[in-house]
């Protein structure tokens, strides 16, 4: 199931995407006011929505609504760095070093943007793109083993971990350069985990002005998603609605020779197989 936030002219609503239509579940009487309500409801909530989808006709054309970030204010937005071998190699080439452990940083949640929202460069002169598979946590997770980790996943989304490279290394945590306002577009919806039986077998790609820059597969992650959740939950609790960006492959602008950064007017399109695509214009 594809669960989306959208605006059809009356403010943010919650919907189910059915082919090229959107069913407003609030108008249909689902009882869920937010995506977080659905996540908290677990499997019972999803069963209720499946039943609703069968008996209520979707009233909005997908092309006529504005899609919004599916979770606009998560408790945490965590991202892993250098999690594909070839991206690790290009990062080493520019002096970023080679981490001995999983390398995590926070993306401040105020960076979150809509799936087709404009990206404001702000003060950076080295704006870059990173296509990633995003994970939505569905169950409280503390001390979870890798074997059970995927049971804690509610669903998946497409993320562009937009990066201000000249600010990224102001701090060893990367947080400054990863958290500029508008530089965290996510969406276009959440695909529930039951529709992605193997998240480690998905193609992902990024285009800039139609030119393919990144093309890889989640099978090539150094640390797969189950290991990421195990590692994080060893230290602290992951809560329902928390977001994880699972790493980007090679092909980022800073890794090109010479580096090629985004410019005003550029269009960045990020795609993940089985999940969808987001597209953002640089202001």
Protein backbone atom coordinates (compact mmCIF):
# COMPACT_ATOMS: atom_id res chain seq x y z
CA UNK A 1 0.00 0.00 0.00
CA UNK A 2 1.15 3.53 -0.77
CA UNK A 3 0.33 5.98 2.01
CA UNK A 4 0.68 9.66 1.16
CA UNK A 5 0.13 13.15 2.51
CA UNK A 6 -1.37 15.42 -0.10
CA UNK A 7 -3.13 18.71 -0.66
CA UNK A 8 -6.06 18.90 -3.06
CA UNK A 9 -6.78 22.52 -2.21
CA UNK A 10 -8.13 22.10 1.30
CA UNK A 11 -4.90 21.65 3.25
CA UNK A 12 -2.90 18.53 4.15
CA UNK A 13 -4.80 15.24 4.01
CA UNK A 14 -3.89 11.56 4.33
CA UNK A 15 -4.50 9.27 1.40
CA UNK A 16 -3.95 5.89 -0.19
CA UNK A 17 -2.55 5.96 -3.72
CA UNK A 18 -4.38 3.48 -5.96
CA UNK A 19 -2.85 3.43 -9.43
CA UNK A 20 -3.35 7.03 -10.68
CA UNK A 21 -5.91 7.97 -8.02
CA UNK A 22 -5.76 9.12 -4.40
CA UNK A 23 -8.32 8.03 -1.80
CA UNK A 24 -8.77 10.57 0.99
CA UNK A 25 -9.02 8.26 4.00
CA UNK A 26 -10.18 11.03 6.31
CA UNK A 27 -13.19 11.82 4.13
CA UNK A 28 -13.80 8.08 3.86
CA UNK A 29 -14.08 7.86 7.64
CA UNK A 30 -10.95 5.89 8.49
CA UNK A 31 -10.46 7.58 11.86
CA UNK A 32 -6.76 8.26 11.15
CA UNK A 33 -5.78 11.93 11.18
CA UNK A 34 -2.04 11.53 10.51
CA UNK A 35 0.39 9.04 9.01
CA UNK A 36 1.79 8.65 12.51
CA UNK A 37 -1.65 7.44 13.65
CA UNK A 38 -1.52 4.70 11.02
CA UNK A 39 1.99 3.68 12.05
CA UNK A 40 0.94 3.52 15.70
CA UNK A 41 -2.02 1.34 14.72
CA UNK A 42 0.26 -1.30 13.24
CA UNK A 43 -1.17 -4.22 11.31
CA UNK A 44 -4.72 -3.55 12.52
CA UNK A 45 -4.56 -0.09 10.97
CA UNK A 46 -3.26 -1.46 7.68
CA UNK A 47 -6.00 -4.12 7.58
CA UNK A 48 -8.58 -1.39 8.11
CA UNK A 49 -7.16 0.66 5.26
CA UNK A 50 -7.06 -2.35 2.92
CA UNK A 51 -10.74 -2.91 3.59
CA UNK A 52 -11.47 0.77 3.00
CA UNK A 53 -9.60 0.68 -0.30
CA UNK A 54 -11.82 -2.16 -1.51
CA UNK A 55 -15.13 -0.48 -0.76
CA UNK A 56 -14.52 3.26 -1.30
CA UNK A 57 -13.74 4.79 -4.67
CA UNK A 58 -10.75 7.14 -4.86
CA UNK A 59 -11.89 10.62 -5.82
CA UNK A 60 -8.70 12.56 -6.67
CA UNK A 61 -6.53 12.17 -9.77
CA UNK A 62 -2.93 11.77 -8.66
CA UNK A 63 -1.79 14.45 -11.10
CA UNK A 64 -4.22 17.00 -9.66
CA UNK A 65 -2.94 16.96 -6.08
CA UNK A 66 0.22 18.30 -4.47
CA UNK A 67 2.13 15.50 -2.78
CA UNK A 68 3.64 16.44 0.59
CA UNK A 69 6.40 14.94 2.72
CA UNK A 70 4.75 11.80 4.16
CA UNK A 71 6.15 12.47 7.64
CA UNK A 72 6.92 16.19 8.04
CA UNK A 73 8.20 16.16 11.64
CA UNK A 74 9.73 12.83 12.65
CA UNK A 75 11.31 12.41 16.05
CA UNK A 76 14.62 11.45 14.41
CA UNK A 77 16.03 11.57 10.90
CA UNK A 78 19.24 9.52 10.86
CA UNK A 79 21.52 8.89 7.88
CA UNK A 80 24.48 6.61 7.30
CA UNK A 81 27.53 7.76 5.35
CA UNK A 82 29.82 5.86 2.98
CA UNK A 83 27.67 2.72 2.90
CA UNK A 84 28.44 1.64 -0.67
CA UNK A 85 31.98 0.50 -1.48
CA UNK A 86 32.43 2.63 -4.61
CA UNK A 87 31.05 5.70 -2.82
CA UNK A 88 33.45 4.97 0.04
CA UNK A 89 36.29 4.91 -2.48
CA UNK A 90 35.30 8.24 -4.05
CA UNK A 91 34.96 9.73 -0.55
CA UNK A 92 38.45 8.53 0.36
CA UNK A 93 39.75 10.12 -2.84
CA UNK A 94 38.60 13.57 -1.70
CA UNK A 95 40.03 13.10 1.80
CA UNK A 96 36.93 12.10 3.77
CA UNK A 97 38.70 9.12 5.34
CA UNK A 98 37.48 5.56 5.81
CA UNK A 99 35.24 4.88 8.84
CA UNK A 100 36.00 1.88 11.04
CA UNK A 101 32.36 1.56 12.12
CA UNK A 102 28.99 2.51 10.69
CA UNK A 103 29.16 6.28 10.18
CA UNK A 104 25.94 7.97 11.34
CA UNK A 105 24.84 11.59 11.42
CA UNK A 106 21.63 13.48 12.14
CA UNK A 107 19.69 15.36 9.54
CA UNK A 108 17.84 17.99 11.51
CA UNK A 109 14.15 17.42 10.89
CA UNK A 110 13.62 21.03 9.77
CA UNK A 111 15.42 20.07 6.54
CA UNK A 112 12.50 17.90 5.40
CA UNK A 113 10.94 18.98 2.13
CA UNK A 114 8.10 17.77 -0.07
CA UNK A 115 8.87 15.21 -2.79
CA UNK A 116 8.52 17.84 -5.52
CA UNK A 117 9.45 20.90 -3.47
CA UNK A 118 12.13 23.38 -4.52
CA UNK A 119 15.58 23.16 -2.95
CA UNK A 120 17.00 26.42 -1.59
CA UNK A 121 20.82 26.36 -1.73
CA UNK A 122 21.09 28.88 1.09
CA UNK A 123 24.70 29.95 1.59
CA UNK A 124 26.38 26.84 0.22
CA UNK A 125 28.45 27.05 -2.95
CA UNK A 126 28.85 23.25 -3.15
CA UNK A 127 25.32 21.85 -3.35
CA UNK A 128 25.23 18.11 -4.05
CA UNK A 129 22.71 15.26 -4.46
CA UNK A 130 22.50 11.75 -2.98
CA UNK A 131 19.76 9.29 -3.91
CA UNK A 132 18.89 6.92 -1.05
CA UNK A 133 16.34 4.37 0.04
CA UNK A 134 14.57 5.68 3.13
CA UNK A 135 13.15 3.58 5.97
CA UNK A 136 10.25 4.41 8.29
CA UNK A 137 10.41 2.72 11.69
CA UNK A 138 7.10 1.10 12.63
CA UNK A 139 7.73 -0.38 16.07
CA UNK A 140 9.70 0.72 19.11
CA UNK A 141 13.15 -0.82 18.69
CA UNK A 142 15.79 -1.15 21.41
CA UNK A 143 18.47 -3.82 21.38
CA UNK A 144 17.00 -5.44 18.27
CA UNK A 145 18.95 -8.20 16.56
CA UNK A 146 19.58 -8.07 12.83
CA UNK A 147 17.49 -11.23 12.52
CA UNK A 148 14.41 -9.37 13.81
CA UNK A 149 15.21 -5.86 12.61
CA UNK A 150 13.02 -5.77 9.50
CA UNK A 151 10.01 -6.59 11.68
CA UNK A 152 10.42 -3.05 13.03
CA UNK A 153 10.09 -1.42 9.59
CA UNK A 154 6.78 0.18 8.63
CA UNK A 155 7.73 1.09 5.09
CA UNK A 156 10.05 2.73 2.60
CA UNK A 157 10.40 6.03 0.74
CA UNK A 158 12.76 7.80 -1.66
CA UNK A 159 15.19 10.29 -0.14
CA UNK A 160 17.57 12.85 -1.58
CA UNK A 161 20.21 13.47 1.08
CA UNK A 162 21.02 16.90 -0.31
CA UNK A 163 24.44 17.97 0.94
CA UNK A 164 26.20 21.30 1.37
CA UNK A 165 29.71 19.94 0.89
CA UNK A 166 31.51 23.12 1.96
CA UNK A 167 29.58 23.03 5.25
CA UNK A 168 29.60 19.26 5.73
CA UNK A 169 33.10 19.22 7.15
CA UNK A 170 32.61 22.19 9.47
CA UNK A 171 31.91 19.49 12.07
CA UNK A 172 33.04 15.85 12.21
CA UNK A 173 29.39 14.78 12.51
CA UNK A 174 28.47 16.18 9.03
CA UNK A 175 25.25 17.55 10.56
CA UNK A 176 25.73 21.19 9.50
CA UNK A 177 26.11 20.34 5.83
CA UNK A 178 23.32 17.79 5.87
CA UNK A 179 20.58 19.85 7.48
CA UNK A 180 19.98 23.06 5.54
CA UNK A 181 16.31 23.98 5.29
CA UNK A 182 14.56 22.35 2.27
CA UNK A 183 17.52 20.02 1.69
CA UNK A 184 15.79 16.83 2.79
CA UNK A 185 13.09 16.03 0.21
CA UNK A 186 11.35 12.69 0.88
CA UNK A 187 8.45 10.75 -0.61
CA UNK A 188 6.59 10.61 -2.84
CA UNK A 189 4.74 8.38 -0.35
CA UNK A 190 5.47 5.50 2.01
CA UNK A 191 5.30 2.04 0.48
CA UNK A 192 4.41 -0.37 3.28
CA UNK A 193 6.93 -3.08 4.08
CA UNK A 194 4.67 -5.93 2.92
CA UNK A 195 5.08 -4.67 -0.66
CA UNK A 196 8.90 -4.69 -0.45
CA UNK A 197 9.76 -8.24 0.62
CA UNK A 198 13.49 -7.71 -0.01
CA UNK A 199 14.72 -4.13 0.43
CA UNK A 200 18.23 -5.30 -0.45
CA UNK A 201 17.41 -5.90 -4.10
CA UNK A 202 16.22 -2.51 -5.34
CA UNK A 203 17.70 -0.44 -8.12
CA UNK A 204 18.26 3.23 -7.38
CA UNK A 205 19.22 6.08 -9.66
CA UNK A 206 19.67 9.84 -9.75
CA UNK A 207 19.40 12.15 -12.75
CA UNK A 208 20.46 15.79 -13.01
CA UNK A 209 18.76 17.61 -15.88
CA UNK A 210 18.05 14.22 -17.44
CA UNK A 211 21.67 13.01 -17.20
CA UNK A 212 22.15 9.78 -15.24
CA UNK A 213 24.61 10.46 -12.41
CA UNK A 214 24.00 7.57 -9.99
CA UNK A 215 22.92 4.01 -10.78
CA UNK A 216 23.27 1.14 -8.35
CA UNK A 217 21.38 -1.42 -6.28
CA UNK A 218 20.68 -1.70 -2.56
CA UNK A 219 22.24 -5.17 -2.70
CA UNK A 220 25.60 -3.36 -2.72
CA UNK A 221 25.22 -1.73 0.71
CA UNK A 222 28.17 -2.41 3.00
CA UNK A 223 25.81 -2.53 5.98
CA UNK A 224 22.32 -3.74 5.00
CA UNK A 225 19.24 -2.30 6.65
CA UNK A 226 18.93 -5.04 9.28
CA UNK A 227 22.50 -4.38 10.43
CA UNK A 228 21.81 -0.63 10.51
CA UNK A 229 18.81 -1.05 12.78
CA UNK A 230 20.68 -3.48 15.00
CA UNK A 231 23.58 -1.03 15.38
CA UNK A 232 21.45 2.03 16.07
CA UNK A 233 19.11 0.29 18.49
CA UNK A 234 22.08 -0.96 20.50
CA UNK A 235 22.74 2.62 21.53
CA UNK A 236 19.30 4.23 21.68
CA UNK A 237 15.64 3.59 21.07
CA UNK A 238 14.20 3.91 17.60
CA UNK A 239 10.58 5.00 17.78
CA UNK A 240 7.62 4.67 15.39
CA UNK A 241 7.84 7.34 12.71
CA UNK A 242 11.62 7.78 12.94
CA UNK A 243 13.33 7.99 9.54
CA UNK A 244 16.54 6.39 8.31
CA UNK A 245 18.42 7.22 5.10
CA UNK A 246 20.36 4.08 4.22
CA UNK A 247 23.28 5.47 2.21
CA UNK A 248 24.04 6.61 -1.32
CA UNK A 249 26.07 4.94 -4.08
CA UNK A 250 28.88 6.41 -6.16
CA UNK A 251 28.36 9.21 -8.65
CA UNK A 252 27.86 12.23 -6.41
CA UNK A 253 28.96 15.60 -7.73
CA UNK A 254 31.82 16.08 -5.27
CA UNK A 255 33.34 12.79 -6.43
CA UNK A 256 33.55 13.81 -10.09
CA UNK A 257 36.85 15.01 -11.56
CA UNK A 258 36.63 17.94 -11.41
CA UNK A 259 33.72 18.21 -8.95
CA UNK A 260 30.38 19.24 -10.46
CA UNK A 261 27.93 20.86 -8.05
CA UNK A 262 24.28 21.71 -8.52
CA UNK A 263 23.42 25.12 -9.93
CA UNK A 264 20.31 27.23 -9.75
CA UNK A 265 17.66 25.86 -12.10
CA UNK A 266 18.96 22.28 -12.06
CA UNK A 267 16.38 19.49 -11.79
CA UNK A 268 17.31 16.50 -9.64
CA UNK A 269 15.29 13.29 -10.01
CA UNK A 270 15.80 10.40 -7.57
CA UNK A 271 14.25 6.99 -8.16
CA UNK A 272 14.08 3.74 -6.18
CA UNK A 273 12.71 0.62 -7.81
CA UNK A 274 9.38 -0.47 -6.38
CA UNK A 275 9.06 2.71 -4.31
CA UNK A 276 8.78 5.67 -6.67
CA UNK A 277 10.52 8.89 -7.59
CA UNK A 278 10.93 12.42 -6.31
CA UNK A 279 12.04 15.45 -8.34
CA UNK A 280 13.28 18.78 -7.07
CA UNK A 281 14.38 22.01 -8.70
CA UNK A 282 17.22 24.08 -7.29
CA UNK A 283 15.98 27.61 -6.69
